[in-house]
N, C-alpha and C. Protein backbone atom coordinates (compact mmCIF):
# COMPACT_ATOMS: atom_id res chain seq x y z
N GLN A 1 -41.72 59.36 -8.51
CA GLN A 1 -42.49 59.99 -7.25
C GLN A 1 -43.78 60.17 -7.68
N VAL A 2 -44.95 59.54 -6.81
CA VAL A 2 -46.17 59.78 -7.16
C VAL A 2 -46.87 60.69 -6.84
N HIS A 3 -47.77 61.27 -7.70
CA HIS A 3 -48.62 62.44 -7.38
C HIS A 3 -50.01 62.27 -7.91
N VAL A 4 -50.70 62.78 -6.45
CA VAL A 4 -52.50 62.38 -6.09
C VAL A 4 -52.79 63.85 -6.97
N VAL A 5 -53.57 63.22 -7.88
CA VAL A 5 -54.46 64.72 -8.57
C VAL A 5 -55.75 64.56 -8.27
N GLU A 6 -56.41 65.36 -8.17
CA GLU A 6 -58.18 65.10 -7.69
C GLU A 6 -58.54 66.36 -8.43
N SER A 7 -59.87 66.43 -9.25
CA SER A 7 -60.24 67.27 -9.23
C SER A 7 -61.68 66.86 -9.58
N GLY A 8 -62.34 67.78 -9.77
CA GLY A 8 -64.37 67.75 -10.17
C GLY A 8 -64.89 69.02 -9.49
N GLU A 9 -66.44 68.56 -9.59
CA GLU A 9 -67.43 69.94 -9.62
C GLU A 9 -67.25 70.18 -7.90
N THR A 10 -67.40 70.97 -7.55
CA THR A 10 -67.18 71.66 -6.08
C THR A 10 -68.66 72.01 -5.41
N LEU A 11 -69.81 72.33 -5.86
CA LEU A 11 -70.81 73.31 -5.69
C LEU A 11 -72.14 72.71 -6.12
N VAL A 12 -72.85 71.86 -5.15
CA VAL A 12 -74.09 71.84 -5.72
C VAL A 12 -75.33 71.95 -4.97
N GLN A 13 -76.48 72.12 -5.25
CA GLN A 13 -77.86 71.91 -4.23
C GLN A 13 -78.20 70.66 -3.70
N ALA A 14 -78.94 70.66 -2.57
CA ALA A 14 -79.02 69.44 -1.82
C ALA A 14 -80.57 68.59 -2.98
N GLY A 15 -79.37 67.13 -2.74
CA GLY A 15 -80.24 66.51 -3.68
C GLY A 15 -79.88 66.04 -5.02
N GLY A 16 -78.51 66.98 -5.40
CA GLY A 16 -77.62 67.04 -6.71
C GLY A 16 -76.80 65.89 -6.83
N SER A 17 -75.91 65.95 -7.82
CA SER A 17 -74.68 64.70 -7.98
C SER A 17 -73.71 65.65 -8.22
N LEU A 18 -72.10 64.91 -7.71
CA LEU A 18 -70.88 65.26 -8.20
C LEU A 18 -70.30 64.27 -8.22
N LYS A 19 -69.22 64.59 -8.74
CA LYS A 19 -68.44 63.29 -9.26
C LYS A 19 -67.09 63.95 -9.34
N LEU A 20 -66.22 63.24 -7.90
CA LEU A 20 -64.62 63.37 -7.95
C LEU A 20 -63.51 62.67 -8.84
N SER A 21 -62.98 62.79 -9.05
CA SER A 21 -61.63 62.10 -9.63
C SER A 21 -60.37 62.34 -8.80
N CYS A 22 -59.80 60.90 -8.81
CA CYS A 22 -58.33 60.91 -8.33
C CYS A 22 -57.04 60.15 -9.13
N THR A 23 -56.10 60.53 -9.70
CA THR A 23 -55.47 59.92 -10.37
C THR A 23 -53.81 60.21 -10.02
N ALA A 24 -53.58 58.77 -10.06
CA ALA A 24 -52.04 58.71 -9.57
C ALA A 24 -51.17 58.69 -10.63
N SER A 25 -50.56 60.24 -11.10
CA SER A 25 -49.41 60.13 -11.80
C SER A 25 -48.06 60.23 -11.05
N GLY A 26 -47.18 59.70 -12.44
CA GLY A 26 -45.85 59.53 -12.18
C GLY A 26 -45.57 58.31 -11.94
N SER A 27 -46.22 57.06 -12.09
CA SER A 27 -45.88 55.77 -11.74
C SER A 27 -47.20 54.90 -12.53
N ASN A 28 -46.29 53.42 -13.19
CA ASN A 28 -46.96 52.98 -13.68
C ASN A 28 -47.36 51.49 -12.74
N ALA A 29 -47.23 51.82 -11.93
CA ALA A 29 -47.50 50.38 -10.74
C ALA A 29 -49.40 50.40 -10.40
N PRO A 30 -49.76 49.97 -10.69
CA PRO A 30 -51.28 49.77 -10.18
C PRO A 30 -51.62 50.24 -8.63
N ILE A 31 -52.52 50.91 -8.52
CA ILE A 31 -53.05 51.41 -7.42
C ILE A 31 -53.62 50.05 -6.72
N GLU A 32 -53.03 49.77 -5.39
CA GLU A 32 -53.14 48.75 -4.71
C GLU A 32 -54.98 49.03 -3.79
N THR A 33 -54.96 50.12 -3.14
CA THR A 33 -56.03 50.71 -3.02
C THR A 33 -56.57 52.25 -3.33
N LEU A 34 -57.81 52.60 -2.93
CA LEU A 34 -57.89 54.12 -3.26
C LEU A 34 -59.13 54.58 -2.39
N GLY A 35 -59.07 55.52 -2.27
CA GLY A 35 -60.37 55.94 -0.88
C GLY A 35 -60.67 57.38 -0.73
N TRP A 36 -61.17 58.16 -0.38
CA TRP A 36 -61.82 59.46 0.09
C TRP A 36 -62.13 59.37 1.47
N TYR A 37 -61.52 60.34 2.25
CA TYR A 37 -61.67 60.78 3.41
C TYR A 37 -62.67 62.25 3.41
N ARG A 38 -62.79 62.97 4.25
CA ARG A 38 -64.06 64.47 4.15
C ARG A 38 -63.40 65.05 5.78
N GLN A 39 -63.63 66.34 5.49
CA GLN A 39 -63.53 66.84 6.55
C GLN A 39 -64.18 68.17 7.00
N ALA A 40 -65.12 68.23 7.38
CA ALA A 40 -66.08 69.28 7.53
C ALA A 40 -65.48 70.48 8.52
N PRO A 41 -66.05 71.69 8.64
CA PRO A 41 -65.76 72.79 9.53
C PRO A 41 -65.70 71.95 10.64
N GLY A 42 -64.61 72.46 11.58
CA GLY A 42 -64.43 72.02 13.05
C GLY A 42 -64.92 70.84 13.50
N LYS A 43 -64.72 69.81 12.43
CA LYS A 43 -64.79 68.38 12.97
C LYS A 43 -63.72 67.75 12.31
N GLU A 44 -63.45 66.65 12.70
CA GLU A 44 -61.97 65.79 12.94
C GLU A 44 -62.55 65.17 11.27
N ARG A 45 -61.55 64.64 10.63
CA ARG A 45 -61.65 63.96 9.48
C ARG A 45 -62.10 62.53 9.41
N GLU A 46 -63.10 62.11 8.56
CA GLU A 46 -63.59 61.00 8.59
C GLU A 46 -63.76 60.52 7.27
N PHE A 47 -63.59 59.08 7.39
CA PHE A 47 -63.76 58.00 6.38
C PHE A 47 -64.89 57.86 5.64
N VAL A 48 -64.82 58.19 4.34
CA VAL A 48 -65.83 58.44 3.28
C VAL A 48 -65.83 57.19 2.59
N ALA A 49 -65.09 56.41 1.71
CA ALA A 49 -65.13 54.87 1.42
C ALA A 49 -64.09 54.80 0.78
N ASP A 50 -63.85 53.43 0.53
CA ASP A 50 -62.28 53.02 -0.12
C ASP A 50 -62.66 51.59 -1.09
N ILE A 51 -61.54 51.32 -2.07
CA ILE A 51 -61.69 50.16 -2.59
C ILE A 51 -60.28 49.82 -3.14
N THR A 52 -60.42 48.27 -2.99
CA THR A 52 -59.21 47.75 -3.38
C THR A 52 -59.04 47.48 -5.23
N LYS A 53 -57.83 47.28 -5.22
CA LYS A 53 -57.20 46.64 -6.39
C LYS A 53 -58.18 45.66 -7.18
N GLY A 54 -59.10 45.57 -8.39
CA GLY A 54 -59.95 44.97 -9.18
C GLY A 54 -61.52 44.76 -8.33
N ALA A 55 -61.51 45.93 -7.27
CA ALA A 55 -62.50 45.76 -6.65
C ALA A 55 -62.89 44.41 -5.90
N GLU A 56 -62.39 44.06 -5.21
CA GLU A 56 -61.89 43.13 -4.69
C GLU A 56 -62.89 43.53 -2.79
N PHE A 57 -62.73 44.34 -2.42
CA PHE A 57 -63.17 45.07 -0.87
C PHE A 57 -63.47 46.16 -1.41
N ILE A 58 -65.15 46.66 -1.33
CA ILE A 58 -65.11 47.89 -0.99
C ILE A 58 -65.75 48.34 0.52
N GLY A 59 -65.59 49.42 0.53
CA GLY A 59 -66.38 50.04 2.04
C GLY A 59 -66.60 51.46 2.01
N TYR A 60 -67.64 51.71 3.09
CA TYR A 60 -68.58 52.79 2.49
C TYR A 60 -68.93 53.20 4.21
N LYS A 61 -68.67 54.51 4.17
CA LYS A 61 -69.57 55.09 5.59
C LYS A 61 -70.46 55.01 5.30
N ASP A 62 -71.04 54.26 6.87
CA ASP A 62 -72.82 53.79 6.96
C ASP A 62 -73.76 55.12 6.34
N SER A 63 -73.25 56.41 6.55
CA SER A 63 -74.53 57.43 6.21
C SER A 63 -74.26 57.65 4.54
N VAL A 64 -73.23 57.41 3.74
CA VAL A 64 -73.06 57.38 2.50
C VAL A 64 -73.50 56.39 1.72
N LYS A 65 -74.08 55.12 2.38
CA LYS A 65 -74.38 53.86 1.38
C LYS A 65 -75.33 54.21 0.98
N GLY A 66 -75.37 53.66 -0.30
CA GLY A 66 -76.62 53.94 -0.96
C GLY A 66 -76.40 55.29 -1.58
N ARG A 67 -75.79 56.04 -1.36
CA ARG A 67 -75.87 57.44 -2.23
C ARG A 67 -74.68 57.50 -2.89
N PHE A 68 -73.36 56.93 -2.19
CA PHE A 68 -72.14 57.29 -3.07
C PHE A 68 -71.40 56.20 -3.74
N THR A 69 -70.89 56.32 -4.66
CA THR A 69 -70.16 54.66 -5.14
C THR A 69 -68.61 55.08 -5.43
N ILE A 70 -67.71 54.33 -5.51
CA ILE A 70 -66.29 54.65 -5.83
C ILE A 70 -66.27 53.80 -6.65
N PRO A 71 -66.07 54.17 -8.14
CA PRO A 71 -65.32 53.04 -8.96
C PRO A 71 -64.01 53.58 -8.72
N LEU A 72 -63.22 52.30 -9.67
CA LEU A 72 -61.68 52.60 -9.92
C LEU A 72 -61.19 51.89 -11.19
N ASP A 73 -60.94 52.87 -12.13
CA ASP A 73 -60.22 52.06 -13.61
C ASP A 73 -59.14 51.83 -12.83
N ASP A 74 -59.05 50.74 -13.13
CA ASP A 74 -57.08 50.09 -13.10
C ASP A 74 -56.36 50.36 -14.09
N ALA A 75 -57.22 50.36 -15.43
CA ALA A 75 -56.39 50.83 -16.51
C ALA A 75 -55.66 52.23 -16.43
N GLU A 76 -56.45 53.02 -16.03
CA GLU A 76 -56.12 54.72 -15.73
C GLU A 76 -55.44 54.81 -14.73
N ASN A 77 -55.41 53.83 -13.85
CA ASN A 77 -54.73 54.46 -12.51
C ASN A 77 -55.50 55.62 -11.69
N THR A 78 -56.91 55.51 -12.16
CA THR A 78 -57.89 56.87 -11.61
C THR A 78 -59.10 56.39 -10.94
N GLY A 79 -59.46 56.70 -10.02
CA GLY A 79 -60.60 56.29 -9.20
C GLY A 79 -61.49 57.69 -9.26
N TYR A 80 -62.83 57.35 -8.48
CA TYR A 80 -63.64 58.48 -8.91
C TYR A 80 -64.39 58.24 -7.19
N LEU A 81 -65.37 59.55 -7.12
CA LEU A 81 -66.31 59.34 -6.15
C LEU A 81 -67.52 60.03 -6.74
N GLN A 82 -68.32 59.03 -6.58
CA GLN A 82 -70.12 59.41 -7.18
C GLN A 82 -70.33 59.67 -6.09
N MET A 83 -71.30 60.86 -5.99
CA MET A 83 -72.05 61.22 -4.88
C MET A 83 -73.03 61.86 -5.30
N ASP A 84 -74.11 60.95 -5.28
CA ASP A 84 -76.01 61.39 -5.42
C ASP A 84 -76.90 61.58 -3.93
N LYS A 85 -77.77 62.26 -4.30
CA LYS A 85 -78.62 62.72 -3.39
C LYS A 85 -77.95 63.16 -2.37
N LEU A 86 -77.21 64.44 -2.43
CA LEU A 86 -76.35 65.23 -1.94
C LEU A 86 -77.21 65.74 -0.69
N LYS A 87 -76.65 65.78 0.51
CA LYS A 87 -77.00 66.72 1.77
C LYS A 87 -76.20 67.39 2.31
N ILE A 88 -76.77 68.52 2.75
CA ILE A 88 -75.98 69.74 3.34
C ILE A 88 -74.64 69.37 4.27
N GLU A 89 -74.99 68.27 4.87
CA GLU A 89 -73.90 68.01 5.74
C GLU A 89 -72.58 66.98 5.22
N ASP A 90 -72.94 66.37 3.84
CA ASP A 90 -72.13 66.19 3.16
C ASP A 90 -70.77 66.91 2.48
N THR A 91 -71.28 68.17 3.43
CA THR A 91 -70.11 69.43 2.66
C THR A 91 -69.02 69.42 3.66
N GLY A 92 -67.65 69.88 2.89
CA GLY A 92 -66.58 69.46 3.85
C GLY A 92 -65.45 68.88 2.52
N ALA A 93 -64.29 69.29 3.04
CA ALA A 93 -63.02 69.05 2.10
C ALA A 93 -62.81 67.54 2.49
N TYR A 94 -62.70 67.29 0.78
CA TYR A 94 -62.46 65.86 0.78
C TYR A 94 -61.39 65.51 0.08
N TYR A 95 -60.25 64.39 0.65
CA TYR A 95 -59.52 63.98 0.59
C TYR A 95 -59.34 62.75 -0.40
N CYS A 96 -58.15 62.66 -1.17
CA CYS A 96 -58.43 61.02 -1.80
C CYS A 96 -56.86 60.81 -1.17
N PHE A 97 -56.80 59.34 -0.87
CA PHE A 97 -55.72 58.60 -0.98
C PHE A 97 -55.31 57.47 -1.78
N LEU A 98 -54.55 57.16 -1.76
CA LEU A 98 -54.12 56.22 -2.37
C LEU A 98 -52.82 55.23 -2.02
N PHE A 99 -52.91 53.95 -2.37
CA PHE A 99 -51.81 53.18 -2.02
C PHE A 99 -50.91 52.55 -2.86
N ILE A 100 -49.85 52.93 -3.25
CA ILE A 100 -48.76 52.22 -4.29
C ILE A 100 -47.27 52.02 -3.47
N ASN A 101 -47.04 51.17 -2.54
CA ASN A 101 -46.16 50.46 -1.91
C ASN A 101 -45.91 51.35 -1.00
N ARG A 102 -47.14 52.32 -0.66
CA ARG A 102 -46.96 53.35 0.46
C ARG A 102 -48.26 54.04 0.17
N THR A 103 -48.63 54.93 1.12
CA THR A 103 -49.61 55.74 1.25
C THR A 103 -49.55 57.41 0.76
N TYR A 104 -50.22 57.78 -0.61
CA TYR A 104 -50.42 59.07 -0.58
C TYR A 104 -51.58 59.74 -0.89
N TRP A 105 -51.57 61.22 -0.38
CA TRP A 105 -52.74 61.43 -0.29
C TRP A 105 -52.96 63.22 -1.28
N GLY A 106 -54.18 63.20 -1.88
CA GLY A 106 -54.55 64.12 -2.45
C GLY A 106 -54.39 65.53 -1.61
N GLN A 107 -54.42 66.61 -2.40
CA GLN A 107 -54.41 68.22 -2.30
C GLN A 107 -55.90 68.43 -1.08
N GLY A 108 -56.79 67.92 -1.57
CA GLY A 108 -58.20 68.02 -1.21
C GLY A 108 -59.11 68.94 -2.00
N THR A 109 -60.43 68.38 -1.90
CA THR A 109 -61.29 69.37 -3.13
C THR A 109 -62.43 70.04 -1.89
N GLN A 110 -62.60 70.76 -1.82
CA GLN A 110 -63.84 71.74 -1.14
C GLN A 110 -65.11 71.48 -2.13
N VAL A 111 -66.16 70.18 -1.41
CA VAL A 111 -67.08 70.45 -1.76
C VAL A 111 -68.10 70.76 -0.70
N THR A 112 -68.91 71.82 -1.80
CA THR A 112 -70.26 72.45 -0.63
C THR A 112 -71.47 72.30 -1.11
N VAL A 113 -72.56 71.42 -0.29
CA VAL A 113 -73.84 71.56 -0.61
C VAL A 113 -74.83 72.37 -0.14
N SER A 114 -75.65 73.30 -1.12
CA SER A 114 -75.97 74.21 -0.76
C SER A 114 -77.74 73.84 -0.14
N SER A 115 -78.09 74.59 0.89
CA SER A 115 -79.67 74.52 0.58
C SER A 115 -80.86 75.10 -0.25
């Protein structure tokens, strides 16, 4: 059984940086795809970024391009979301997903960007 464990800082001022991590525990199988969605209060969940094994394909939401990166450590079965130049509108609950034969979701991490 795969468990998705999220962790990372959760509060920062606008213009600052945060880094979230997402680890697949309970499995030795490699992560095929890992990504992040977020949900702001009163809004629908939206795609942020994803990456495939070996970084063959990487995708970003337009509004985070140039500010966010999504490294994937294949050896550690861990992915990250490095968020720089954060804006207030980046505030929301961030959910990691990963695909190992099927999709698994993390519990979510609240990110708050203050003015």
